[in-house]
Amino acid sequence: YLDIIRRVRDYTHLPVVAYNVSGEYAMIKAAGQQGW
């Protein structure tokens, strides 16, 4: 949802927070453990 982050950033001056969620974490960890 990087496109959404960009759209929100352009829309408001409030701080924008992204949640790098569990599935994103798990995919990187799994691929890292496999050496891929």
Full PDB file with SEQRES, HELIX, SHEET, SSBOND, CRYST1, ORIGX, SCALE, CONECT and MASTER records, all heavy atoms in Angstrom:
SEQRES   1 A   36  TYR LEU ASP ILE ILE ARG ARG VAL ARG ASP TYR THR HIS          
SEQRES   2 A   36  LEU PRO VAL VAL ALA TYR ASN VAL SER GLY GLU TYR ALA          
SEQRES   3 A   36  MET ILE LYS ALA ALA GLY GLN GLN GLY TRP                      
HELIX    1 AA1 LEU A    2  TYR A   11  1                                  10    
HELIX    2 AA2 SER A   22  GLN A   33  1                                  12    
CRYST1    1.000    1.000    1.000  90.00  90.00  90.00 P 1           1          
ORIGX1      1.000000  0.000000  0.000000        0.00000                         
ORIGX2      0.000000  1.000000  0.000000        0.00000                         
ORIGX3      0.000000  0.000000  1.000000        0.00000                         
SCALE1      1.000000  0.000000  0.000000        0.00000                         
SCALE2      0.000000  1.000000  0.000000        0.00000                         
SCALE3      0.000000  0.000000  1.000000        0.00000                         
ATOM      1  N   TYR A   1       0.828  -1.207   0.000  1.00  0.00           N  
ATOM      2  CA  TYR A   1       0.000   0.000   0.000  1.00  0.00           C  
ATOM      3  C   TYR A   1       0.867   1.264   0.000  1.00  0.00           C  
ATOM      4  O   TYR A   1       0.471   2.296   0.535  1.00  0.00           O  
ATOM      5  CB  TYR A   1      -0.950  -0.029   1.202  1.00  0.00           C  
ATOM      6  CG  TYR A   1      -1.891  -1.206   1.124  1.00  0.00           C  
ATOM      7  CD1 TYR A   1      -1.509  -2.449   1.604  1.00  0.00           C  
ATOM      8  CD2 TYR A   1      -3.127  -1.098   0.498  1.00  0.00           C  
ATOM      9  CE1 TYR A   1      -2.338  -3.553   1.493  1.00  0.00           C  
ATOM     10  CE2 TYR A   1      -3.964  -2.190   0.382  1.00  0.00           C  
ATOM     11  CZ  TYR A   1      -3.569  -3.422   0.879  1.00  0.00           C  
ATOM     12  OH  TYR A   1      -4.396  -4.503   0.743  1.00  0.00           O  
ATOM     13  N   LEU A   2       2.039   1.184  -0.625  1.00  0.00           N  
ATOM     14  CA  LEU A   2       2.919   2.347  -0.696  1.00  0.00           C  
ATOM     15  C   LEU A   2       2.244   3.496  -1.440  1.00  0.00           C  
ATOM     16  O   LEU A   2       2.489   4.669  -1.131  1.00  0.00           O  
ATOM     17  CB  LEU A   2       4.236   1.983  -1.375  1.00  0.00           C  
ATOM     18  CG  LEU A   2       5.102   0.942  -0.655  1.00  0.00           C  
ATOM     19  CD1 LEU A   2       6.339   0.621  -1.490  1.00  0.00           C  
ATOM     20  CD2 LEU A   2       5.516   1.424   0.732  1.00  0.00           C  
ATOM     21  N   ASP A   3       1.387   3.175  -2.411  1.00  0.00           N  
ATOM     22  CA  ASP A   3       0.669   4.229  -3.121  1.00  0.00           C  
ATOM     23  C   ASP A   3      -0.285   4.974  -2.197  1.00  0.00           C  
ATOM     24  O   ASP A   3      -0.467   6.200  -2.325  1.00  0.00           O  
ATOM     25  CB  ASP A   3      -0.092   3.652  -4.314  1.00  0.00           C  
ATOM     26  CG  ASP A   3      -1.129   2.600  -3.910  1.00  0.00           C  
ATOM     27  OD1 ASP A   3      -0.821   1.760  -3.035  1.00  0.00           O  
ATOM     28  OD2 ASP A   3      -2.249   2.614  -4.465  1.00  0.00           O  
ATOM     29  N   ILE A   4      -0.863   4.254  -1.238  1.00  0.00           N  
ATOM     30  CA  ILE A   4      -1.764   4.898  -0.277  1.00  0.00           C  
ATOM     31  C   ILE A   4      -0.976   5.802   0.664  1.00  0.00           C  
ATOM     32  O   ILE A   4      -1.403   6.928   0.973  1.00  0.00           O  
ATOM     33  CB  ILE A   4      -2.553   3.846   0.521  1.00  0.00           C  
ATOM     34  CG1 ILE A   4      -3.273   2.867  -0.413  1.00  0.00           C  
ATOM     35  CG2 ILE A   4      -3.542   4.523   1.463  1.00  0.00           C  
ATOM     36  CD1 ILE A   4      -4.242   3.506  -1.378  1.00  0.00           C  
ATOM     37  N   ILE A   5       0.163   5.330   1.113  1.00  0.00           N  
ATOM     38  CA  ILE A   5       1.021   6.169   1.959  1.00  0.00           C  
ATOM     39  C   ILE A   5       1.349   7.467   1.239  1.00  0.00           C  
ATOM     40  O   ILE A   5       1.273   8.563   1.815  1.00  0.00           O  
ATOM     41  CB  ILE A   5       2.313   5.412   2.334  1.00  0.00           C  
ATOM     42  CG1 ILE A   5       1.988   4.198   3.207  1.00  0.00           C  
ATOM     43  CG2 ILE A   5       3.295   6.334   3.059  1.00  0.00           C  
ATOM     44  CD1 ILE A   5       3.171   3.279   3.469  1.00  0.00           C  
ATOM     45  N   ARG A   6       1.690   7.372  -0.043  1.00  0.00           N  
ATOM     46  CA  ARG A   6       2.039   8.567  -0.822  1.00  0.00           C  
ATOM     47  C   ARG A   6       0.840   9.512  -0.949  1.00  0.00           C  
ATOM     48  O   ARG A   6       0.974  10.727  -0.787  1.00  0.00           O  
ATOM     49  CB  ARG A   6       2.510   8.138  -2.208  1.00  0.00           C  
ATOM     50  CG  ARG A   6       2.929   9.270  -3.129  1.00  0.00           C  
ATOM     51  CD  ARG A   6       4.259   9.858  -2.712  1.00  0.00           C  
ATOM     52  NE  ARG A   6       4.144  11.050  -1.887  1.00  0.00           N  
ATOM     53  CZ  ARG A   6       5.136  11.548  -1.149  1.00  0.00           C  
ATOM     54  NH1 ARG A   6       6.300  10.928  -1.103  1.00  0.00           N  
ATOM     55  NH2 ARG A   6       4.964  12.638  -0.447  1.00  0.00           N  
ATOM     56  N   ARG A   7      -0.337   8.941  -1.235  1.00  0.00           N  
ATOM     57  CA  ARG A   7      -1.534   9.780  -1.388  1.00  0.00           C  
ATOM     58  C   ARG A   7      -1.872  10.481  -0.082  1.00  0.00           C  
ATOM     59  O   ARG A   7      -2.236  11.667  -0.074  1.00  0.00           O  
ATOM     60  CB  ARG A   7      -2.727   8.942  -1.847  1.00  0.00           C  
ATOM     61  CG  ARG A   7      -2.648   8.482  -3.287  1.00  0.00           C  
ATOM     62  CD  ARG A   7      -3.979   7.968  -3.794  1.00  0.00           C  
ATOM     63  NE  ARG A   7      -4.960   9.061  -3.901  1.00  0.00           N  
ATOM     64  CZ  ARG A   7      -6.122   8.947  -4.535  1.00  0.00           C  
ATOM     65  NH1 ARG A   7      -6.442   7.808  -5.129  1.00  0.00           N  
ATOM     66  NH2 ARG A   7      -6.961   9.954  -4.576  1.00  0.00           N  
ATOM     67  N   VAL A   8      -1.754   9.776   1.025  1.00  0.00           N  
ATOM     68  CA  VAL A   8      -2.061  10.380   2.322  1.00  0.00           C  
ATOM     69  C   VAL A   8      -1.036  11.449   2.663  1.00  0.00           C  
ATOM     70  O   VAL A   8      -1.384  12.534   3.153  1.00  0.00           O  
ATOM     71  CB  VAL A   8      -2.143   9.300   3.410  1.00  0.00           C  
ATOM     72  CG1 VAL A   8      -2.275   9.925   4.791  1.00  0.00           C  
ATOM     73  CG2 VAL A   8      -3.310   8.356   3.137  1.00  0.00           C  
ATOM     74  N   ARG A   9       0.244  11.167   2.370  1.00  0.00           N  
ATOM     75  CA  ARG A   9       1.292  12.162   2.636  1.00  0.00           C  
ATOM     76  C   ARG A   9       1.028  13.454   1.872  1.00  0.00           C  
ATOM     77  O   ARG A   9       1.223  14.566   2.392  1.00  0.00           O  
ATOM     78  CB  ARG A   9       2.639  11.570   2.238  1.00  0.00           C  
ATOM     79  CG  ARG A   9       3.842  12.506   2.253  1.00  0.00           C  
ATOM     80  CD  ARG A   9       4.297  12.882   3.667  1.00  0.00           C  
ATOM     81  NE  ARG A   9       3.337  13.769   4.332  1.00  0.00           N  
ATOM     82  CZ  ARG A   9       3.128  13.791   5.654  1.00  0.00           C  
ATOM     83  NH1 ARG A   9       3.761  12.964   6.445  1.00  0.00           N  
ATOM     84  NH2 ARG A   9       2.267  14.628   6.179  1.00  0.00           N  
ATOM     85  N   ASP A  10       0.579  13.328   0.627  1.00  0.00           N  
ATOM     86  CA  ASP A  10       0.302  14.508  -0.181  1.00  0.00           C  
ATOM     87  C   ASP A  10      -0.962  15.240   0.262  1.00  0.00           C  
ATOM     88  O   ASP A  10      -1.125  16.422  -0.028  1.00  0.00           O  
ATOM     89  CB  ASP A  10       0.159  14.112  -1.657  1.00  0.00           C  
ATOM     90  CG  ASP A  10       1.474  13.660  -2.273  1.00  0.00           C  
ATOM     91  OD1 ASP A  10       2.539  13.970  -1.707  1.00  0.00           O  
ATOM     92  OD2 ASP A  10       1.427  12.978  -3.322  1.00  0.00           O  
ATOM     93  N   TYR A  11      -1.838  14.539   0.983  1.00  0.00           N  
ATOM     94  CA  TYR A  11      -3.123  15.110   1.377  1.00  0.00           C  
ATOM     95  C   TYR A  11      -3.047  15.918   2.669  1.00  0.00           C  
ATOM     96  O   TYR A  11      -3.761  16.899   2.835  1.00  0.00           O  
ATOM     97  CB  TYR A  11      -4.153  13.987   1.538  1.00  0.00           C  
ATOM     98  CG  TYR A  11      -5.516  14.453   1.970  1.00  0.00           C  
ATOM     99  CD1 TYR A  11      -6.410  14.972   1.046  1.00  0.00           C  
ATOM    100  CD2 TYR A  11      -5.911  14.387   3.314  1.00  0.00           C  
ATOM    101  CE1 TYR A  11      -7.662  15.416   1.434  1.00  0.00           C  
ATOM    102  CE2 TYR A  11      -7.156  14.833   3.706  1.00  0.00           C  
ATOM    103  CZ  TYR A  11      -8.034  15.354   2.774  1.00  0.00           C  
ATOM    104  OH  TYR A  11      -9.268  15.787   3.169  1.00  0.00           O  
ATOM    105  N   THR A  12      -2.179  15.504   3.596  1.00  0.00           N  
ATOM    106  CA  THR A  12      -2.215  16.076   4.946  1.00  0.00           C  
ATOM    107  C   THR A  12      -0.827  16.430   5.455  1.00  0.00           C  
ATOM    108  O   THR A  12       0.183  15.868   5.002  1.00  0.00           O  
ATOM    109  CB  THR A  12      -2.868  15.092   5.929  1.00  0.00           C  
ATOM    110  OG1 THR A  12      -2.889  15.679   7.246  1.00  0.00           O  
ATOM    111  CG2 THR A  12      -2.098  13.781   6.005  1.00  0.00           C  
ATOM    112  N   HIS A  13      -0.801  17.347   6.413  1.00  0.00           N  
ATOM    113  CA  HIS A  13       0.445  17.681   7.099  1.00  0.00           C  
ATOM    114  C   HIS A  13       0.580  16.923   8.417  1.00  0.00           C  
ATOM    115  O   HIS A  13       1.600  17.054   9.112  1.00  0.00           O  
ATOM    116  CB  HIS A  13       0.532  19.181   7.363  1.00  0.00           C  
ATOM    117  CG  HIS A  13       0.626  20.003   6.111  1.00  0.00           C  
ATOM    118  ND1 HIS A  13       1.674  19.886   5.226  1.00  0.00           N  
ATOM    119  CD2 HIS A  13      -0.206  20.935   5.581  1.00  0.00           C  
ATOM    120  CE1 HIS A  13       1.498  20.724   4.219  1.00  0.00           C  
ATOM    121  NE2 HIS A  13       0.351  21.364   4.410  1.00  0.00           N  
ATOM    122  N   LEU A  14      -0.424  16.149   8.803  1.00  0.00           N  
ATOM    123  CA  LEU A  14      -0.293  15.340  10.019  1.00  0.00           C  
ATOM    124  C   LEU A  14       0.745  14.236   9.806  1.00  0.00           C  
ATOM    125  O   LEU A  14       0.976  13.804   8.679  1.00  0.00           O  
ATOM    126  CB  LEU A  14      -1.638  14.709  10.379  1.00  0.00           C  
ATOM    127  CG  LEU A  14      -2.723  15.612  10.954  1.00  0.00           C  
ATOM    128  CD1 LEU A  14      -3.948  14.788  11.316  1.00  0.00           C  
ATOM    129  CD2 LEU A  14      -2.225  16.377  12.166  1.00  0.00           C  
ATOM    130  N   PRO A  15       1.364  13.764  10.888  1.00  0.00           N  
ATOM    131  CA  PRO A  15       2.307  12.647  10.746  1.00  0.00           C  
ATOM    132  C   PRO A  15       1.623  11.415  10.174  1.00  0.00           C  
ATOM    133  O   PRO A  15       0.510  11.061  10.571  1.00  0.00           O  
ATOM    134  CB  PRO A  15       2.783  12.412  12.183  1.00  0.00           C  
ATOM    135  CG  PRO A  15       2.565  13.709  12.884  1.00  0.00           C  
ATOM    136  CD  PRO A  15       1.325  14.288  12.269  1.00  0.00           C  
ATOM    137  N   VAL A  16       2.300  10.773   9.246  1.00  0.00           N  
ATOM    138  CA  VAL A  16       1.803   9.563   8.599  1.00  0.00           C  
ATOM    139  C   VAL A  16       2.611   8.370   9.116  1.00  0.00           C  
ATOM    140  O   VAL A  16       3.842   8.406   9.138  1.00  0.00           O  
ATOM    141  CB  VAL A  16       1.914   9.662   7.070  1.00  0.00           C  
ATOM    142  CG1 VAL A  16       1.506   8.346   6.401  1.00  0.00           C  
ATOM    143  CG2 VAL A  16       1.060  10.814   6.547  1.00  0.00           C  
ATOM    144  N   VAL A  17       1.893   7.334   9.526  1.00  0.00           N  
ATOM    145  CA  VAL A  17       2.517   6.151  10.121  1.00  0.00           C  
ATOM    146  C   VAL A  17       2.202   4.944   9.245  1.00  0.00           C  
ATOM    147  O   VAL A  17       1.067   4.761   8.814  1.00  0.00           O  
ATOM    148  CB  VAL A  17       1.989   5.911  11.556  1.00  0.00           C  
ATOM    149  CG1 VAL A  17       2.728   4.753  12.212  1.00  0.00           C  
ATOM    150  CG2 VAL A  17       2.127   7.185  12.394  1.00  0.00           C  
ATOM    151  N   ALA A  18       3.211   4.129   8.984  1.00  0.00           N  
ATOM    152  CA  ALA A  18       3.029   2.896   8.221  1.00  0.00           C  
ATOM    153  C   ALA A  18       3.234   1.711   9.159  1.00  0.00           C  
ATOM    154  O   ALA A  18       4.132   1.735  10.008  1.00  0.00           O  
ATOM    155  CB  ALA A  18       4.028   2.820   7.078  1.00  0.00           C  
ATOM    156  N   TYR A  19       2.421   0.678   8.994  1.00  0.00           N  
ATOM    157  CA  TYR A  19       2.576  -0.539   9.790  1.00  0.00           C  
ATOM    158  C   TYR A  19       3.149  -1.635   8.892  1.00  0.00           C  
ATOM    159  O   TYR A  19       2.470  -2.154   8.009  1.00  0.00           O  
ATOM    160  CB  TYR A  19       1.232  -0.981  10.363  1.00  0.00           C  
ATOM    161  CG  TYR A  19       1.328  -1.922  11.557  1.00  0.00           C  
ATOM    162  CD1 TYR A  19       0.428  -1.826  12.610  1.00  0.00           C  
ATOM    163  CD2 TYR A  19       2.317  -2.907  11.636  1.00  0.00           C  
ATOM    164  CE1 TYR A  19       0.502  -2.676  13.711  1.00  0.00           C  
ATOM    165  CE2 TYR A  19       2.404  -3.754  12.730  1.00  0.00           C  
ATOM    166  CZ  TYR A  19       1.489  -3.637  13.756  1.00  0.00           C  
ATOM    167  OH  TYR A  19       1.574  -4.485  14.842  1.00  0.00           O  
ATOM    168  N   ASN A  20       4.416  -1.941   9.122  1.00  0.00           N  
ATOM    169  CA  ASN A  20       5.096  -3.056   8.452  1.00  0.00           C  
ATOM    170  C   ASN A  20       4.638  -4.343   9.141  1.00  0.00           C  
ATOM    171  O   ASN A  20       5.232  -4.788  10.098  1.00  0.00           O  
ATOM    172  CB  ASN A  20       6.609  -2.841   8.573  1.00  0.00           C  
ATOM    173  CG  ASN A  20       7.461  -3.941   8.023  1.00  0.00           C  
ATOM    174  OD1 ASN A  20       8.543  -4.193   8.549  1.00  0.00           O  
ATOM    175  ND2 ASN A  20       7.033  -4.613   6.976  1.00  0.00           N  
ATOM    176  N   VAL A  21       3.575  -4.942   8.627  1.00  0.00           N  
ATOM    177  CA  VAL A  21       2.794  -5.923   9.380  1.00  0.00           C  
ATOM    178  C   VAL A  21       3.452  -7.299   9.409  1.00  0.00           C  
ATOM    179  O   VAL A  21       4.460  -7.565   8.751  1.00  0.00           O  
ATOM    180  CB  VAL A  21       1.356  -6.022   8.831  1.00  0.00           C  
ATOM    181  CG1 VAL A  21       0.642  -4.699   8.966  1.00  0.00           C  
ATOM    182  CG2 VAL A  21       1.348  -6.514   7.393  1.00  0.00           C  
ATOM    183  N   SER A  22       2.810  -8.180  10.161  1.00  0.00           N  
ATOM    184  CA  SER A  22       3.373  -9.493  10.464  1.00  0.00           C  
ATOM    185  C   SER A  22       3.641 -10.335   9.229  1.00  0.00           C  
ATOM    186  O   SER A  22       4.653 -11.034   9.145  1.00  0.00           O  
ATOM    187  CB  SER A  22       2.438 -10.253  11.409  1.00  0.00           C  
ATOM    188  OG  SER A  22       1.151 -10.417  10.829  1.00  0.00           O  
ATOM    189  N   GLY A  23       2.739 -10.289   8.235  1.00  0.00           N  
ATOM    190  CA  GLY A  23       2.950 -11.066   7.030  1.00  0.00           C  
ATOM    191  C   GLY A  23       4.146 -10.585   6.237  1.00  0.00           C  
ATOM    192  O   GLY A  23       4.888 -11.393   5.650  1.00  0.00           O  
ATOM    193  N   GLU A  24       4.358  -9.286   6.212  1.00  0.00           N  
ATOM    194  CA  GLU A  24       5.534  -8.723   5.553  1.00  0.00           C  
ATOM    195  C   GLU A  24       6.805  -9.183   6.264  1.00  0.00           C  
ATOM    196  O   GLU A  24       7.802  -9.542   5.626  1.00  0.00           O  
ATOM    197  CB  GLU A  24       5.436  -7.193   5.546  1.00  0.00           C  
ATOM    198  CG  GLU A  24       4.244  -6.663   4.772  1.00  0.00           C  
ATOM    199  CD  GLU A  24       3.916  -5.203   5.053  1.00  0.00           C  
ATOM    200  OE1 GLU A  24       4.679  -4.557   5.817  1.00  0.00           O  
ATOM    201  OE2 GLU A  24       2.907  -4.707   4.539  1.00  0.00           O  
ATOM    202  N   TYR A  25       6.757  -9.148   7.582  1.00  0.00           N  
ATOM    203  CA  TYR A  25       7.886  -9.608   8.391  1.00  0.00           C  
ATOM    204  C   TYR A  25       8.168 -11.089   8.132  1.00  0.00           C  
ATOM    205  O   TYR A  25       9.306 -11.491   7.883  1.00  0.00           O  
ATOM    206  CB  TYR A  25       7.572  -9.379   9.870  1.00  0.00           C  
ATOM    207  CG  TYR A  25       8.571  -9.942  10.846  1.00  0.00           C  
ATOM    208  CD1 TYR A  25       9.664  -9.183  11.261  1.00  0.00           C  
ATOM    209  CD2 TYR A  25       8.426 -11.230  11.368  1.00  0.00           C  
ATOM    210  CE1 TYR A  25      10.584  -9.700  12.165  1.00  0.00           C  
ATOM    211  CE2 TYR A  25       9.345 -11.747  12.271  1.00  0.00           C  
ATOM    212  CZ  TYR A  25      10.415 -10.978  12.668  1.00  0.00           C  
ATOM    213  OH  TYR A  25      11.334 -11.489  13.553  1.00  0.00           O  
ATOM    214  N   ALA A  26       7.110 -11.906   8.173  1.00  0.00           N  
ATOM    215  CA  ALA A  26       7.276 -13.357   8.053  1.00  0.00           C  
ATOM    216  C   ALA A  26       7.852 -13.744   6.697  1.00  0.00           C  
ATOM    217  O   ALA A  26       8.685 -14.665   6.601  1.00  0.00           O  
ATOM    218  CB  ALA A  26       5.938 -14.055   8.292  1.00  0.00           C  
ATOM    219  N   MET A  27       7.434 -13.080   5.636  1.00  0.00           N  
ATOM    220  CA  MET A  27       7.936 -13.415   4.307  1.00  0.00           C  
ATOM    221  C   MET A  27       9.437 -13.163   4.206  1.00  0.00           C  
ATOM    222  O   MET A  27      10.181 -13.981   3.660  1.00  0.00           O  
ATOM    223  CB  MET A  27       7.190 -12.611   3.242  1.00  0.00           C  
ATOM    224  CG  MET A  27       5.755 -13.042   3.046  1.00  0.00           C  
ATOM    225  SD  MET A  27       4.973 -12.315   1.582  1.00  0.00           S  
ATOM    226  CE  MET A  27       5.073 -10.578   1.962  1.00  0.00           C  
ATOM    227  N   ILE A  28       9.880 -12.032   4.726  1.00  0.00           N  
ATOM    228  CA  ILE A  28      11.305 -11.727   4.672  1.00  0.00           C  
ATOM    229  C   ILE A  28      12.095 -12.705   5.533  1.00  0.00           C  
ATOM    230  O   ILE A  28      13.146 -13.212   5.121  1.00  0.00           O  
ATOM    231  CB  ILE A  28      11.557 -10.268   5.113  1.00  0.00           C  
ATOM    232  CG1 ILE A  28      10.994  -9.312   4.056  1.00  0.00           C  
ATOM    233  CG2 ILE A  28      13.041 -10.013   5.342  1.00  0.00           C  
ATOM    234  CD1 ILE A  28      11.069  -7.852   4.447  1.00  0.00           C  
ATOM    235  N   LYS A  29      11.576 -12.996   6.720  1.00  0.00           N  
ATOM    236  CA  LYS A  29      12.270 -13.934   7.606  1.00  0.00           C  
ATOM    237  C   LYS A  29      12.369 -15.323   6.972  1.00  0.00           C  
ATOM    238  O   LYS A  29      13.414 -15.977   7.034  1.00  0.00           O  
ATOM    239  CB  LYS A  29      11.557 -14.015   8.958  1.00  0.00           C  
ATOM    240  CG  LYS A  29      11.878 -12.882   9.901  1.00  0.00           C  
ATOM    241  CD  LYS A  29      13.329 -12.934  10.302  1.00  0.00           C  
ATOM    242  CE  LYS A  29      13.712 -11.784  11.217  1.00  0.00           C  
ATOM    243  NZ  LYS A  29      15.162 -11.775  11.518  1.00  0.00           N  
ATOM    244  N   ALA A  30      11.280 -15.776   6.369  1.00  0.00           N  
ATOM    245  CA  ALA A  30      11.280 -17.110   5.757  1.00  0.00           C  
ATOM    246  C   ALA A  30      12.278 -17.184   4.607  1.00  0.00           C  
ATOM    247  O   ALA A  30      13.051 -18.146   4.489  1.00  0.00           O  
ATOM    248  CB  ALA A  30       9.876 -17.459   5.275  1.00  0.00           C  
ATOM    249  N   ALA A  31      12.265 -16.169   3.749  1.00  0.00           N  
ATOM    250  CA  ALA A  31      13.205 -16.163   2.626  1.00  0.00           C  
ATOM    251  C   ALA A  31      14.645 -16.042   3.108  1.00  0.00           C  
ATOM    252  O   ALA A  31      15.552 -16.663   2.548  1.00  0.00           O  
ATOM    253  CB  ALA A  31      12.868 -15.015   1.676  1.00  0.00           C  
ATOM    254  N   GLY A  32      14.846 -15.253   4.172  1.00  0.00           N  
ATOM    255  CA  GLY A  32      16.185 -15.127   4.734  1.00  0.00           C  
ATOM    256  C   GLY A  32      16.694 -16.436   5.304  1.00  0.00           C  
ATOM    257  O   GLY A  32      17.858 -16.820   5.120  1.00  0.00           O  
ATOM    258  N   GLN A  33      15.823 -17.165   6.001  1.00  0.00           N  
ATOM    259  CA  GLN A  33      16.221 -18.442   6.579  1.00  0.00           C  
ATOM    260  C   GLN A  33      16.569 -19.468   5.509  1.00  0.00           C  
ATOM    261  O   GLN A  33      17.409 -20.345   5.718  1.00  0.00           O  
ATOM    262  CB  GLN A  33      15.107 -18.973   7.483  1.00  0.00           C  
ATOM    263  CG  GLN A  33      14.954 -18.190   8.779  1.00  0.00           C  
ATOM    264  CD  GLN A  33      13.792 -18.676   9.626  1.00  0.00           C  
ATOM    265  OE1 GLN A  33      12.935 -19.442   9.175  1.00  0.00           O  
ATOM    266  NE2 GLN A  33      13.725 -18.236  10.881  1.00  0.00           N  
ATOM    267  N   GLN A  34      15.935 -19.350   4.343  1.00  0.00           N  
ATOM    268  CA  GLN A  34      16.238 -20.253   3.232  1.00  0.00           C  
ATOM    269  C   GLN A  34      17.484 -19.838   2.457  1.00  0.00           C  
ATOM    270  O   GLN A  34      17.930 -20.575   1.573  1.00  0.00           O  
ATOM    271  CB  GLN A  34      15.043 -20.305   2.276  1.00  0.00           C  
ATOM    272  CG  GLN A  34      13.810 -20.976   2.844  1.00  0.00           C  
ATOM    273  CD  GLN A  34      14.015 -22.456   3.116  1.00  0.00           C  
ATOM    274  OE1 GLN A  34      14.718 -23.141   2.378  1.00  0.00           O  
ATOM    275  NE2 GLN A  34      13.433 -22.947   4.189  1.00  0.00           N  
ATOM    276  N   GLY A  35      18.009 -18.656   2.756  1.00  0.00           N  
ATOM    277  CA  GLY A  35      19.168 -18.169   2.031  1.00  0.00           C  
ATOM    278  C   GLY A  35      18.841 -17.631   0.649  1.00  0.00           C  
ATOM    279  O   GLY A  35      19.725 -17.468  -0.193  1.00  0.00           O  
ATOM    280  N   TRP A  36      17.567 -17.339   0.409  1.00  0.00           N  
ATOM    281  CA  TRP A  36      17.137 -16.877  -0.911  1.00  0.00           C  
ATOM    282  C   TRP A  36      17.375 -15.378  -1.107  1.00  0.00           C  
ATOM    283  O   TRP A  36      17.363 -14.898  -2.243  1.00  0.00           O  
ATOM    284  CB  TRP A  36      15.658 -17.184  -1.113  1.00  0.00           C  
ATOM    285  CG  TRP A  36      15.354 -18.650  -1.167  1.00  0.00           C  
ATOM    286  CD1 TRP A  36      16.220 -19.663  -1.492  1.00  0.00           C  
ATOM    287  CD2 TRP A  36      14.097 -19.268  -0.890  1.00  0.00           C  
ATOM    288  NE1 TRP A  36      15.589 -20.875  -1.433  1.00  0.00           N  
ATOM    289  CE2 TRP A  36      14.265 -20.670  -1.073  1.00  0.00           C  
ATOM    290  CE3 TRP A  36      12.843 -18.798  -0.520  1.00  0.00           C  
ATOM    291  CZ2 TRP A  36      13.236 -21.581  -0.888  1.00  0.00           C  
ATOM    292  CZ3 TRP A  36      11.813 -19.695  -0.333  1.00  0.00           C  
ATOM    293  CH2 TRP A  36      12.013 -21.079  -0.517  1.00  0.00           C  
TER     294      TRP A  36                                                      
MASTER        0    0    0    2    0    0    0    6  293    1    0    3          
END                                                                             
